[in-house]
Protein backbone atom coordinates (compact mmCIF):
# COMPACT_ATOMS: atom_id res chain seq x y z
CA MET A 1 -0.01 0.02 0.01
CA LYS A 2 1.32 3.34 -0.92
CA VAL A 3 0.63 6.61 1.10
CA LEU A 4 1.89 10.19 0.82
CA ASP A 5 4.82 10.93 3.06
CA PRO A 6 3.67 13.87 5.31
CA VAL A 7 6.97 15.70 4.92
CA TRP A 8 8.07 14.91 1.34
CA GLY A 9 4.65 14.57 -0.22
CA ILE A 10 5.73 11.52 -2.15
CA PRO A 11 4.48 7.92 -2.35
CA VAL A 12 6.07 5.64 0.20
CA ASP A 13 5.49 1.93 0.98
CA THR A 14 3.57 1.50 4.27
CA GLU A 15 4.85 -2.11 4.53
CA ARG A 16 8.14 -0.73 5.76
CA THR A 17 8.34 -0.37 9.40
CA PRO A 18 6.75 2.90 10.48
CA PHE A 19 7.90 4.88 13.52
CA LYS A 20 6.22 7.67 15.34
CA ALA A 21 8.20 10.79 15.88
CA GLU A 22 8.05 10.85 19.63
CA MET A 23 7.43 14.45 20.35
CA TRP A 24 5.30 15.39 17.35
CA GLY A 25 2.69 12.68 17.51
CA ARG A 26 2.72 12.01 13.73
CA THR A 27 3.61 8.70 12.02
CA TYR A 28 6.18 8.85 9.22
CA TYR A 29 7.35 6.30 6.66
CA SER A 30 10.98 5.86 5.47
CA ILE A 31 11.70 7.20 2.16
CA ASP A 32 12.93 5.05 -0.60
CA GLU A 33 16.43 5.01 -2.18
CA GLN A 34 15.37 7.09 -5.18
CA HIS A 35 14.25 9.95 -2.98
CA MET A 36 17.13 9.45 -0.65
CA ARG A 37 19.59 10.06 -3.59
CA ARG A 38 17.67 13.45 -4.25
CA PHE A 39 18.06 14.22 -0.49
CA VAL A 40 21.80 13.82 -0.43
CA GLU A 41 22.75 15.77 -3.60
CA GLY A 42 23.39 19.12 -1.84
CA GLN A 43 26.22 19.96 0.50
CA ARG A 44 25.70 19.02 4.09
CA VAL A 45 27.29 19.41 7.51
CA ALA A 46 28.35 16.04 8.93
CA TYR A 47 27.87 16.09 12.69
CA PHE A 48 29.81 13.41 14.44
CA SER A 49 29.09 12.40 18.04
CA MET A 50 29.99 9.29 20.11
CA GLU A 51 26.41 9.42 21.61
CA ILE A 52 23.02 10.76 20.48
CA GLY A 53 19.99 10.83 22.60
CA LEU A 54 16.79 10.80 20.69
CA ARG A 55 14.24 8.95 22.62
CA ASN A 56 13.94 6.60 25.56
CA ASP A 57 13.67 3.29 23.61
CA ILE A 58 16.91 4.18 21.69
CA PRO A 59 19.30 4.17 24.67
CA THR A 60 22.35 5.33 22.78
CA TYR A 61 23.31 8.10 25.29
CA SER A 62 24.68 8.34 28.72
CA GLY A 63 23.80 11.93 29.67
CA GLY A 64 24.11 15.52 28.81
CA LEU A 65 26.52 15.16 25.73
CA GLY A 66 24.12 12.75 23.98
CA VAL A 67 20.96 14.53 24.89
CA LEU A 68 22.56 17.75 23.60
CA ALA A 69 23.47 16.05 20.40
CA GLY A 70 19.87 14.91 19.97
CA ASP A 71 18.60 18.47 20.53
CA THR A 72 21.20 19.82 18.11
CA ILE A 73 19.85 17.45 15.41
CA ARG A 74 16.30 18.34 16.10
CA SER A 75 16.88 22.13 15.91
CA GLY A 76 19.00 21.72 12.82
CA SER A 77 16.10 19.87 11.17
CA ASP A 78 13.57 22.43 12.35
CA LEU A 79 15.69 25.20 10.87
CA LYS A 80 16.32 23.34 7.66
CA ILE A 81 20.06 23.34 8.13
CA PRO A 82 21.38 20.55 5.72
CA MET A 83 22.93 18.05 8.04
CA VAL A 84 23.67 14.46 8.42
CA ALA A 85 24.57 12.96 11.76
CA VAL A 86 26.95 10.05 12.52
CA THR A 87 27.21 7.96 15.68
CA LEU A 88 27.49 4.39 16.83
CA VAL A 89 24.58 1.96 17.19
CA ASN A 90 25.61 0.87 20.78
CA ARG A 91 23.22 -2.07 20.64
CA MET A 92 23.48 -2.86 24.43
CA GLY A 93 22.74 0.85 25.35
CA TYR A 94 24.44 2.43 28.30
CA PHE A 95 22.87 0.44 31.18
CA ARG A 96 19.64 0.23 33.02
CA GLN A 97 20.06 1.31 36.74
CA VAL A 98 18.37 -0.35 39.65
CA VAL A 99 19.13 1.02 43.15
CA SER A 100 18.63 -1.21 46.27
CA GLU A 101 17.11 0.00 49.46
CA THR A 102 20.55 0.83 50.84
CA GLY A 103 21.54 2.91 47.78
CA GLU A 104 23.56 0.30 45.97
CA GLN A 105 23.58 0.87 42.22
CA LEU A 106 23.07 -2.25 40.20
CA GLU A 107 23.68 -2.15 36.44
CA TYR A 108 21.94 -4.25 33.74
CA PRO A 109 22.33 -4.29 30.02
CA ASP A 110 19.68 -2.11 28.07
CA PRO A 111 19.53 -3.80 24.69
CA TRP A 112 17.46 -2.50 21.82
CA ASP A 113 16.79 -3.56 18.31
CA PRO A 114 17.68 -0.96 15.62
CA ALA A 115 15.50 -2.73 13.15
CA ALA A 116 12.41 -1.53 15.11
CA PHE A 117 13.21 2.20 14.54
CA MET A 118 15.43 2.52 11.37
CA ARG A 119 16.44 0.78 8.20
CA GLU A 120 19.69 -1.00 7.41
CA LEU A 121 21.45 0.19 4.32
CA PRO A 122 23.20 -2.17 2.07
CA ASP A 123 26.59 -0.25 1.92
CA THR A 124 29.51 -1.31 3.99
CA VAL A 125 33.04 0.18 4.52
CA GLU A 126 36.20 -1.29 6.01
CA VAL A 127 38.46 0.14 8.73
CA ARG A 128 41.80 -1.43 9.86
CA ILE A 129 41.90 -2.32 13.49
CA GLY A 130 44.90 -4.39 14.52
CA GLU A 131 45.77 -7.04 11.98
CA ARG A 132 42.22 -7.22 10.62
CA GLU A 133 40.02 -5.31 8.28
CA VAL A 134 36.77 -4.68 10.02
CA ARG A 135 33.53 -4.23 8.17
CA VAL A 136 31.12 -1.45 9.16
CA LYS A 137 27.56 -1.15 8.17
CA THR A 138 25.02 1.52 9.03
CA TRP A 139 21.46 1.93 9.99
CA MET A 140 19.65 5.24 8.97
CA TYR A 141 17.19 6.96 11.29
CA ASP A 142 15.08 9.79 9.89
CA CYS A 143 14.82 12.75 12.17
CA GLN A 144 11.79 14.45 10.82
CA SER A 145 10.52 17.99 11.60
CA PRO A 146 7.08 19.40 11.14
CA ALA A 147 8.84 22.32 9.61
CA GLY A 148 9.15 20.15 6.57
CA SER A 149 12.77 18.93 6.60
CA LEU A 150 14.59 15.68 7.54
CA THR A 151 18.00 15.03 9.01
CA PRO A 152 19.36 11.45 8.51
CA ILE A 153 21.27 9.94 11.40
CA LEU A 154 23.76 7.11 10.58
CA PHE A 155 24.16 4.54 13.34
CA LEU A 156 27.41 2.64 12.53
CA ASP A 157 27.50 -1.09 13.37
CA THR A 158 30.33 -3.73 13.34
CA ASP A 159 27.95 -6.60 14.00
CA VAL A 160 28.49 -7.75 10.45
CA GLU A 161 28.82 -11.28 9.06
CA GLY A 162 32.47 -11.89 8.36
CA ASN A 163 33.79 -9.99 11.36
CA THR A 164 35.30 -11.87 14.26
CA ASP A 165 33.14 -12.14 17.42
CA GLU A 166 35.39 -9.66 19.15
CA ASP A 167 35.06 -7.10 16.26
CA ARG A 168 31.30 -7.57 16.04
CA GLN A 169 31.15 -6.30 19.70
CA ILE A 170 32.98 -3.02 19.06
CA THR A 171 29.72 -1.03 18.63
CA SER A 172 27.84 -2.86 21.44
CA TYR A 173 28.55 -0.90 24.64
CA LEU A 174 28.58 2.87 25.09
CA TYR A 175 31.69 3.90 27.07
CA GLY A 176 32.30 0.22 27.93
CA GLY A 177 35.49 -1.83 28.21
CA ASP A 178 38.96 -0.53 28.62
CA ASP A 179 41.07 2.16 26.74
CA ILE A 180 41.60 -0.25 23.86
CA TYR A 181 37.93 -0.86 23.35
CA ARG A 182 37.20 2.83 23.34
CA LEU A 183 40.03 3.53 20.87
CA LYS A 184 38.48 0.94 18.64
CA GLN A 185 35.15 2.67 18.88
CA ALA A 186 36.85 5.95 18.00
CA ILE A 187 38.30 4.40 14.88
CA VAL A 188 34.89 3.11 13.76
CA LEU A 189 33.15 6.43 14.46
CA GLY A 190 35.79 8.83 12.93
CA ILE A 191 37.48 6.82 10.21
CA GLY A 192 34.59 4.56 9.47
CA GLY A 193 32.03 7.39 9.64
CA ALA A 194 33.90 9.49 7.24
CA ARG A 195 34.20 6.52 4.80
CA MET A 196 30.59 5.73 5.12
CA LEU A 197 29.51 9.19 4.14
CA ASP A 198 31.56 8.76 0.98
CA ALA A 199 30.07 5.34 0.24
CA LEU A 200 26.60 6.83 0.59
CA ASN A 201 27.51 9.84 -1.71
CA PHE A 202 26.88 12.50 0.85
CA ASN A 203 28.44 15.75 -0.29
CA VAL A 204 29.98 16.99 2.82
CA LEU A 205 30.73 20.71 3.27
CA LYS A 206 31.90 20.71 6.91
CA TYR A 207 32.65 18.02 9.40
CA HIS A 208 31.56 18.96 12.91
CA MET A 209 33.24 16.98 15.66
CA ASN A 210 31.06 17.02 18.86
CA GLU A 211 33.88 16.32 21.48
CA GLY A 212 37.23 14.55 20.92
CA GLN A 213 36.09 11.08 20.47
CA SER A 214 35.30 11.66 16.75
CA SER A 215 38.55 13.36 16.07
CA LEU A 216 40.05 10.50 14.03
CA LEU A 217 37.90 11.61 11.20
CA ALA A 218 40.24 14.65 10.93
CA MET A 219 43.22 12.28 10.64
CA GLU A 220 41.27 10.40 7.90
CA LEU A 221 40.80 13.78 6.09
CA LEU A 222 44.53 14.67 6.59
CA ARG A 223 45.57 11.48 4.94
CA ARG A 224 43.30 12.01 1.92
CA ASN A 225 44.61 15.62 1.61
CA GLY A 226 48.18 14.30 1.34
CA MET A 227 48.87 15.71 4.86
CA ASP A 228 47.86 19.24 3.79
CA ALA A 229 46.77 20.62 7.19
CA ASN A 230 45.11 23.79 5.79
CA LYS A 231 42.89 21.91 3.39
CA THR A 232 41.81 19.72 6.30
CA ARG A 233 41.23 22.62 8.69
CA ASP A 234 39.00 24.22 6.16
CA ARG A 235 36.65 21.31 6.52
CA CYS A 236 36.59 20.77 10.26
CA VAL A 237 34.62 22.37 13.12
CA PHE A 238 35.33 21.18 16.72
CA THR A 239 33.22 21.69 19.83
CA THR A 240 34.85 20.86 23.13
CA HIS A 241 32.87 20.05 26.20
CA THR A 242 35.52 19.14 28.62
CA PRO A 243 36.94 21.79 31.04
CA VAL A 244 39.93 19.99 32.43
CA ALA A 245 42.92 18.37 30.70
CA ALA A 246 42.73 15.14 32.73
CA ALA A 247 39.45 14.27 31.18
CA PHE A 248 40.64 14.33 27.56
CA PHE A 249 41.06 11.03 25.72
CA SER A 250 44.68 10.09 25.09
CA PHE A 251 46.65 6.96 24.32
CA PRO A 252 50.24 5.82 24.10
CA TYR A 253 51.45 6.04 20.47
CA GLU A 254 52.44 2.50 20.50
CA THR A 255 48.90 1.42 21.25
CA VAL A 256 47.54 3.63 18.37
CA ARG A 257 50.16 2.16 16.00
CA GLU A 258 49.24 -1.34 16.92
CA LEU A 259 45.55 -0.66 16.01
CA LEU A 260 46.07 1.45 12.95
CA GLY A 261 49.03 -0.13 11.48
CA ASP A 262 50.97 1.81 8.84
CA GLU A 263 47.96 3.32 6.99
CA PHE A 264 48.62 6.55 8.81
CA ASP A 265 51.95 8.35 9.31
CA LEU A 266 51.98 8.71 13.10
CA GLU A 267 55.30 10.48 13.18
CA LYS A 268 53.75 13.27 11.10
CA ILE A 269 50.56 13.10 13.13
CA ARG A 270 52.47 13.87 16.34
CA VAL A 271 52.75 17.49 15.17
CA PHE A 272 48.89 17.67 15.64
CA ALA A 273 48.08 15.10 18.30
CA GLY A 274 50.81 15.66 20.77
CA LYS A 275 54.49 14.70 21.14
CA ASP A 276 54.28 12.16 23.98
CA ARG A 277 50.79 10.84 23.77
CA PHE A 278 48.02 10.66 21.10
CA ASN A 279 45.66 13.20 22.41
CA MET A 280 42.39 13.24 20.57
CA THR A 281 41.32 16.71 21.74
CA ALA A 282 44.67 18.16 20.65
CA LEU A 283 44.21 16.41 17.23
CA ALA A 284 40.80 18.08 16.74
CA LEU A 285 41.98 21.43 17.91
CA SER A 286 44.91 21.46 15.62
CA LEU A 287 42.91 20.39 12.55
CA SER A 288 39.86 22.57 12.85
CA THR A 289 39.41 26.08 11.47
CA TYR A 290 36.60 26.80 14.03
CA VAL A 291 36.76 25.70 17.56
CA ASN A 292 34.31 26.59 20.38
CA GLY A 293 33.52 25.94 24.00
CA VAL A 294 29.99 25.49 25.14
CA ALA A 295 29.70 28.63 27.37
CA ARG A 296 31.57 31.85 27.88
CA ALA A 297 33.11 30.65 31.09
CA HIS A 298 34.09 27.35 29.41
CA MET A 299 35.72 29.25 26.53
CA GLU A 300 37.86 31.11 29.00
CA SER A 301 38.93 27.97 30.77
CA SER A 302 39.61 26.25 27.56
CA THR A 303 41.84 29.09 26.34
CA ARG A 304 43.85 28.71 29.41
CA LEU A 305 44.19 25.06 28.87
CA PHE A 306 45.16 25.50 25.13
CA PRO A 307 46.97 28.83 24.83
CA GLY A 308 47.59 29.96 21.24
CA TYR A 309 44.21 28.44 19.95
CA HIS A 310 41.37 30.81 18.97
CA ILE A 311 38.46 29.32 20.83
CA ARG A 312 35.01 30.95 20.61
CA ALA A 313 31.95 30.41 22.72
CA ILE A 314 28.54 29.21 21.55
CA THR A 315 26.49 28.61 24.68
CA ASN A 316 24.59 25.34 24.61
CA GLY A 317 20.73 25.20 24.60
CA VAL A 318 17.92 22.71 24.60
CA HIS A 319 15.34 21.93 21.99
CA PRO A 320 12.22 24.13 22.79
CA TYR A 321 9.39 21.77 21.93
CA THR A 322 10.97 18.58 23.24
CA TRP A 323 11.61 19.92 26.79
CA THR A 324 8.37 21.94 27.25
CA SER A 325 5.76 20.00 29.09
CA GLN A 326 2.31 19.60 27.50
CA PRO A 327 0.62 22.09 29.95
CA PHE A 328 3.13 24.82 28.90
CA ARG A 329 2.92 23.89 25.26
CA GLU A 330 -0.72 24.47 25.30
CA LEU A 331 -0.29 27.80 27.19
CA PHE A 332 2.45 29.00 24.75
CA ASP A 333 0.31 27.87 21.73
CA ARG A 334 -2.44 30.18 22.86
CA TYR A 335 -0.39 33.27 23.27
CA PHE A 336 2.68 32.89 21.00
CA HIS A 337 1.89 31.28 17.64
CA GLY A 338 5.12 29.66 16.17
CA TRP A 339 7.04 29.77 19.52
CA ALA A 340 8.38 26.16 19.00
CA ASN A 341 10.34 27.48 15.95
CA GLU A 342 10.83 31.03 17.22
CA PRO A 343 11.40 30.54 20.92
CA GLU A 344 12.52 34.17 21.18
CA LEU A 345 8.71 34.99 21.24
CA LEU A 346 8.70 33.78 24.79
CA VAL A 347 10.19 37.13 25.90
CA ARG A 348 6.52 38.26 25.72
CA ILE A 349 5.48 35.96 28.65
CA ASP A 350 4.80 38.98 30.78
CA THR A 351 1.59 39.34 28.87
CA VAL A 352 0.32 35.99 30.28
CA PRO A 353 -1.50 36.26 33.58
CA HIS A 354 0.09 34.90 36.74
CA GLU A 355 -2.81 32.44 37.22
CA GLU A 356 -2.37 30.80 33.79
CA VAL A 357 1.34 30.22 34.37
CA ARG A 358 0.64 28.76 37.90
CA ASN A 359 -2.07 26.52 36.53
CA ALA A 360 0.26 25.15 33.79
CA HIS A 361 2.98 24.42 36.26
CA MET A 362 0.61 22.76 38.77
CA SER A 363 -0.60 20.47 35.96
CA ALA A 364 3.10 19.49 35.26
CA LYS A 365 3.77 19.10 38.95
CA ALA A 366 0.73 16.89 39.47
CA ALA A 367 2.07 14.58 36.66
CA LEU A 368 5.31 14.28 38.49
CA MET A 369 3.61 13.49 41.81
CA ARG A 370 1.57 10.82 40.09
CA TYR A 371 4.76 9.27 38.66
CA ILE A 372 6.52 9.30 42.07
CA LYS A 373 3.36 7.60 43.59
CA GLU A 374 3.57 4.94 40.89
CA LYS A 375 7.21 4.31 41.30
CA THR A 376 7.73 4.71 45.06
CA ASN A 377 4.06 4.28 46.43
CA THR A 378 4.64 7.66 48.21
CA ASP A 379 1.70 10.11 48.56
CA LEU A 380 2.98 13.66 48.43
CA ASP A 381 1.31 17.09 48.93
CA ILE A 382 1.34 18.89 45.72
CA ASN A 383 1.62 22.23 47.52
CA THR A 384 4.95 21.43 49.18
CA LEU A 385 7.97 23.37 47.67
CA THR A 386 9.82 20.71 45.67
CA ILE A 387 13.48 20.96 44.89
CA GLY A 388 14.83 18.93 41.92
CA PHE A 389 18.31 17.66 41.47
CA ALA A 390 19.23 15.13 38.65
CA ARG A 391 22.64 14.83 37.26
CA ARG A 392 25.26 12.22 36.27
CA MET A 393 26.50 11.01 39.64
CA THR A 394 30.14 11.99 39.67
CA ALA A 395 32.24 13.73 42.26
CA TYR A 396 32.44 17.11 40.71
CA LYS A 397 28.59 17.47 40.41
CA ARG A 398 28.51 17.33 44.39
CA ALA A 399 25.07 15.72 44.59
CA ALA A 400 25.31 15.53 48.33
CA LEU A 401 26.38 19.24 48.93
CA LEU A 402 22.78 20.05 50.15
CA PHE A 403 23.21 17.56 52.97
CA SER A 404 26.46 18.93 54.19
CA ASP A 405 24.87 20.38 57.42
CA LEU A 406 21.67 18.57 58.17
CA ASN A 407 20.97 20.83 61.23
CA ARG A 408 21.07 23.98 59.02
CA LEU A 409 18.89 22.21 56.38
CA LYS A 410 16.32 21.49 58.97
CA LYS A 411 16.20 25.07 60.07
CA VAL A 412 14.77 25.86 56.63
CA LEU A 413 11.57 24.05 57.74
CA ARG A 414 10.87 27.03 60.08
CA ARG A 415 9.74 28.87 56.94
CA GLY A 416 7.74 26.07 55.43
CA PRO A 417 8.09 22.39 54.34
CA ILE A 418 10.39 21.23 51.50
CA ARG A 419 11.01 18.06 49.69
CA ILE A 420 13.86 16.90 47.51
CA VAL A 421 13.50 14.79 44.41
CA MET A 422 16.73 13.36 42.88
CA ALA A 423 17.94 11.12 40.14
CA GLY A 424 21.16 10.22 38.40
CA LYS A 425 23.43 7.39 37.19
CA ALA A 426 27.04 6.79 38.20
CA HIS A 427 29.33 5.21 35.54
CA PRO A 428 29.76 1.45 36.39
CA GLN A 429 33.52 2.06 36.97
CA ASP A 430 33.05 5.32 39.05
CA GLU A 431 33.22 4.23 42.70
CA GLN A 432 33.02 7.82 43.86
CA GLY A 433 29.77 8.21 42.02
CA LYS A 434 28.28 5.05 43.37
CA GLU A 435 29.21 6.15 46.91
CA LEU A 436 27.34 9.49 46.41
CA ILE A 437 24.18 7.46 45.69
CA ARG A 438 24.83 5.52 48.87
CA ASP A 439 25.24 8.79 50.77
CA ILE A 440 22.05 10.17 49.50
CA TYR A 441 20.11 7.04 50.71
CA THR A 442 21.78 7.46 54.07
CA PHE A 443 20.71 11.13 54.28
CA LYS A 444 17.17 10.06 53.09
CA GLU A 445 16.78 7.77 56.15
CA THR A 446 18.32 10.28 58.56
CA LEU A 447 15.79 12.99 57.27
CA LYS A 448 12.69 10.68 57.29
CA GLY A 449 9.91 12.27 59.15
CA SER A 450 11.21 15.91 58.59
CA ILE A 451 12.12 16.18 54.86
CA ASP A 452 11.05 13.83 52.16
CA VAL A 453 14.02 12.83 50.03
CA ILE A 454 13.01 10.76 46.94
CA PHE A 455 15.55 9.16 44.69
CA LEU A 456 14.10 7.98 41.36
CA GLU A 457 16.19 5.31 39.64
CA ASN A 458 17.10 4.87 35.98
CA TYR A 459 17.49 8.54 34.93
CA ASP A 460 16.72 8.93 31.30
CA ILE A 461 15.20 11.33 28.86
CA ASP A 462 11.61 10.62 30.00
CA LEU A 463 12.40 11.04 33.60
CA ALA A 464 14.44 14.18 32.91
CA SER A 465 11.42 15.65 31.19
CA ARG A 466 9.21 14.92 34.15
CA LEU A 467 11.52 16.33 36.75
CA THR A 468 12.51 19.42 34.93
CA SER A 469 8.80 20.35 34.48
CA GLY A 470 7.45 19.04 37.70
CA VAL A 471 9.65 20.60 40.50
CA ASP A 472 9.48 24.08 41.69
CA VAL A 473 13.30 24.81 42.06
CA TRP A 474 16.11 23.36 40.01
CA LEU A 475 19.29 22.84 42.04
CA ASN A 476 22.80 22.58 40.59
CA THR A 477 25.87 22.38 42.65
CA PRO A 478 29.00 21.61 40.45
CA LEU A 479 32.48 22.41 41.68
CA PRO A 480 33.78 25.21 39.40
CA PRO A 481 35.17 25.19 36.79
CA TYR A 482 34.20 21.57 35.95
CA GLU A 483 30.69 22.25 34.57
CA ALA A 484 31.42 23.20 31.01
CA SER A 485 27.85 24.18 30.39
CA GLY A 486 24.99 22.00 31.77
CA THR A 487 21.60 22.10 30.22
CA SER A 488 19.07 20.78 32.73
CA GLY A 489 18.44 24.11 34.13
CA MET A 490 17.55 25.34 30.67
CA LYS A 491 14.99 22.61 30.33
CA ALA A 492 13.53 23.57 33.75
CA ALA A 493 13.25 27.27 32.45
CA PHE A 494 10.96 26.33 29.61
CA ASN A 495 8.52 24.98 32.31
CA GLY A 496 8.63 27.96 34.55
CA VAL A 497 10.85 26.28 37.04
CA VAL A 498 13.27 28.64 38.90
CA ASN A 499 17.12 27.97 39.00
CA PHE A 500 19.33 27.95 42.12
CA SER A 501 22.70 27.08 41.10
CA VAL A 502 26.51 27.49 41.53
CA LEU A 503 27.91 30.04 39.14
CA ASP A 504 29.51 27.79 36.62
CA GLY A 505 28.74 26.88 33.04
CA TRP A 506 25.74 28.41 31.38
CA TRP A 507 24.25 29.87 34.62
CA VAL A 508 26.93 32.57 34.70
CA GLU A 509 25.21 33.93 31.64
CA GLY A 510 21.54 33.20 32.72
CA TRP A 511 21.78 34.42 36.27
CA MET A 512 20.13 37.58 37.37
CA GLU A 513 20.03 37.47 41.14
CA GLY A 514 16.47 37.43 42.52
CA ASN A 515 15.15 37.78 38.96
CA THR A 516 15.79 34.65 37.07
CA GLY A 517 16.80 32.65 40.27
CA TRP A 518 19.69 32.70 42.74
CA ALA A 519 23.38 31.98 42.68
CA ILE A 520 25.18 29.73 45.20
CA GLY A 521 28.55 30.97 46.30
CA PRO A 522 30.91 33.52 44.79
CA VAL A 523 31.11 34.85 41.33
CA PRO A 524 33.52 33.05 38.96
CA ASP A 525 36.33 35.63 39.15
CA ALA A 526 36.42 35.66 42.89
CA PRO A 527 39.66 34.08 44.18
CA PRO A 528 38.76 32.42 47.52
CA SER A 529 40.50 29.40 48.79
CA VAL A 530 38.85 26.03 48.40
CA GLU A 531 37.75 26.24 52.06
CA ASP A 532 36.44 29.75 51.82
CA ARG A 533 34.50 28.89 48.60
CA ARG A 534 32.83 26.03 50.22
CA ALA A 535 31.96 28.12 53.30
CA MET A 536 30.38 30.80 50.99
CA GLU A 537 28.48 28.13 49.04
CA LEU A 538 26.92 26.57 52.08
CA ASP A 539 25.99 29.99 53.52
CA ASP A 540 24.20 30.78 50.32
CA LEU A 541 22.70 27.40 49.99
CA TYR A 542 21.02 27.36 53.40
CA ASN A 543 20.45 31.14 53.90
CA LYS A 544 18.87 31.68 50.57
CA LEU A 545 16.65 28.61 51.08
CA GLU A 546 15.57 29.76 54.52
CA TYR A 547 15.21 33.54 53.98
CA LEU A 548 14.51 34.05 50.39
CA ILE A 549 13.17 30.94 48.51
CA VAL A 550 10.89 29.30 51.00
CA PRO A 551 9.25 32.47 52.25
CA LYS A 552 8.69 33.73 48.79
CA PHE A 553 7.12 30.46 47.52
CA TYR A 554 4.69 30.25 50.41
CA ASN A 555 3.88 33.85 51.16
CA GLU A 556 4.41 35.84 47.89
CA LYS A 557 2.36 33.88 45.23
CA ASP A 558 2.36 36.60 42.60
CA ASN A 559 6.08 37.45 43.11
CA TRP A 560 6.85 33.77 42.61
CA ALA A 561 4.80 33.61 39.49
CA THR A 562 6.82 36.64 38.21
CA LEU A 563 9.94 34.62 38.80
CA MET A 564 8.43 31.82 36.83
CA ARG A 565 7.66 34.23 34.00
CA ASN A 566 11.18 35.46 34.18
CA SER A 567 12.53 32.02 33.89
CA ILE A 568 10.61 31.50 30.61
CA GLY A 569 11.01 35.07 29.22
CA LYS A 570 14.67 35.76 30.21
CA VAL A 571 16.21 32.32 30.15
CA ALA A 572 14.19 29.93 27.92
CA SER A 573 13.88 32.45 25.14
CA HIS A 574 17.71 32.59 24.78
CA PHE A 575 19.14 29.20 26.04
CA ASN A 576 17.71 27.02 23.34
CA THR A 577 19.33 25.02 20.49
CA HIS A 578 17.57 27.12 17.88
CA ARG A 579 19.61 30.14 18.86
CA MET A 580 22.62 27.87 19.17
CA MET A 581 22.21 26.29 15.72
CA ARG A 582 21.68 29.66 13.96
CA ARG A 583 25.05 30.71 15.50
CA TYR A 584 26.75 27.49 14.25
CA ALA A 585 25.31 27.95 10.78
CA SER A 586 26.43 31.53 10.47
CA GLU A 587 29.79 31.50 12.24
CA ALA A 588 31.17 27.83 11.85
CA TYR A 589 29.47 26.26 8.81
CA LEU A 590 29.26 29.14 6.48
C-alpha cells in the first residue's frame, strides 16, 4: 500500500516499518532510495558524536552530551540546516540502573533492536583495526521535523557477518570496556564514519566533531589531503565540552600504532596530536578552522588549557518543543503562535496572567507527583515546595552538597516544608559516584519524618522531562570550573521552574540574582581558597533557602509567578538550540 509521506509529499510503502516521531505525535514512513539520492545531492554538514540521545527506547546516550546532540539535530532539522549525523549503534545501550534499598547501584544491559526504528542500508566500508579489516555497516534513522525537513542519522554497526566475534562487539557498549575498546570505537566512528559518508555519496561541506572522541575523522581527512593541514582545517569544526585536561582522551602512540598499522603516518601526526601521547582533543583542535567551547566561562577555561588557539563560545541550549511539558505547550500555543520554531517569542511571557502560568505548572507538577506515587508508593502534597536535582552521579557534580549540614537544612523548615527529588546514574567504573548514591540514601533515612528525600532510579530522557517540568526549584551544585555548560536548568526554564545554582557553566550567563533565580557561592572571578569557597556556598545554600526561596514560595504567590515568567522570558527564550544552531550555521558552517 502506498501513502503520501507527510513531509516529502511523495508515495512511500507502508509495509516498511513505520515509527512515530516521539514529540510530534505523527507517523512517518521511511523514504525509498530514489528519493534518498535526491536528498543527499546538496552539500551538508556532517555532525559526529559518540552518543546521540533521541528517545527513551533508543538508549544510545549516557547523559548531557548525548541529549544535547539529539537536541542539536532536532533544531537543525527544524531550521532546515542541511545536516547528516553520524554515531555508533551501541546495541546494548548504556545501562539500566536499579538502586537497592541501601543505595547500591546495580547495572543491567539495556539492549535494543535498531530494526524496530530505522532501516539497514546495504553499503559497508572497512577500517583497519589491529591485524584485521573490520567491516562496518550502518542503520539510517530519519529525524523528521514538522517544519518540513529531515535530518538522516547514521548509526554505525560492526555486527556484520564476516567480522570476528570480538570485532562484532565494538559497537555494542557505550563507554564500555577498557582504553583499547574505546580507541576501537573511535576508529569506527571517525574513520569509518567518514568513509561511510563517501560510500553513501553524501556531499559534505563541513565535518563537525562533537567532543574529541570523533577526531580521528580529521586524521582520515588529513591522509586524503596528502597531509595538507590547511585543506583539512577548512573542512573541520570542533566543539569541546571538557573543562579539564585530565578528562581528555589520550593513548600511548604504541597502542595507536598497533591498532592502525601503517595506514597513517603517526610520526607526522605527532605534530597535531601531541608529542608524547596521542591526544584526541589536541588532534581536533589542531585540525579545525573553527573551535568553540559551550559557554563563555568554558571558553575562558579552554583558552587557558590550550594557549595559542582561538576558541570561541557558543553557549549550549535545549530543543524548545521537546523539553516543554504539555501544559506549557498548550499555554504557549494560545499566546505565541510559532514559539516552537521561534522561541524568542517567549520574551513576551509577561503578557500572560500569573494564574495561567501557575495552572500550567501545577498540571506538570501533578504529573510528577503521580509518577512518584507509581514508582515509590509515596503520597505527596502537591503544594509542598519541591526541589529537583538530577545529574550524572560523579564527584564534581556534588550531589550531596545540600546535605552537608543537616541541622542547618532542618532550620529551613521553620519557614515552610520542603521536599527533595533526585535522580542520576554513576558510571559502572566510578566508585565515587556510586558512593554518592549510597550517601544520598543514608541522608534520606536520617531525614525521614522531617524532609522527604526521593531518589528515582534509571534517570533517562523521559524522567528528565518529568523532573525538569514538575519541580519548583532546580538545584545545581557543580565544583567550578568543571561544569562546561550544563543544560538541565535550561530545560527547567521552559517550564517556569526557577534555577538555584552555583555560578558555573551556562548559569553565569543566565543568572540575574532574584530575577531569574539565585546564585550559590561567589562569582567566577572571585579568588577564595577551596575552604572559603565551600563556606560561602553553604552559607548561600542554606540562607537563601531559608530567608528568600521558601518564604517567597509560600507567602508571595504573585512574586513567585513573576519569577516563573522571568525563567521563561529571560532564560528559555535565549538558552535554546535554535539560537545555538543559528550561530553554528552563520559562524562555523558558512
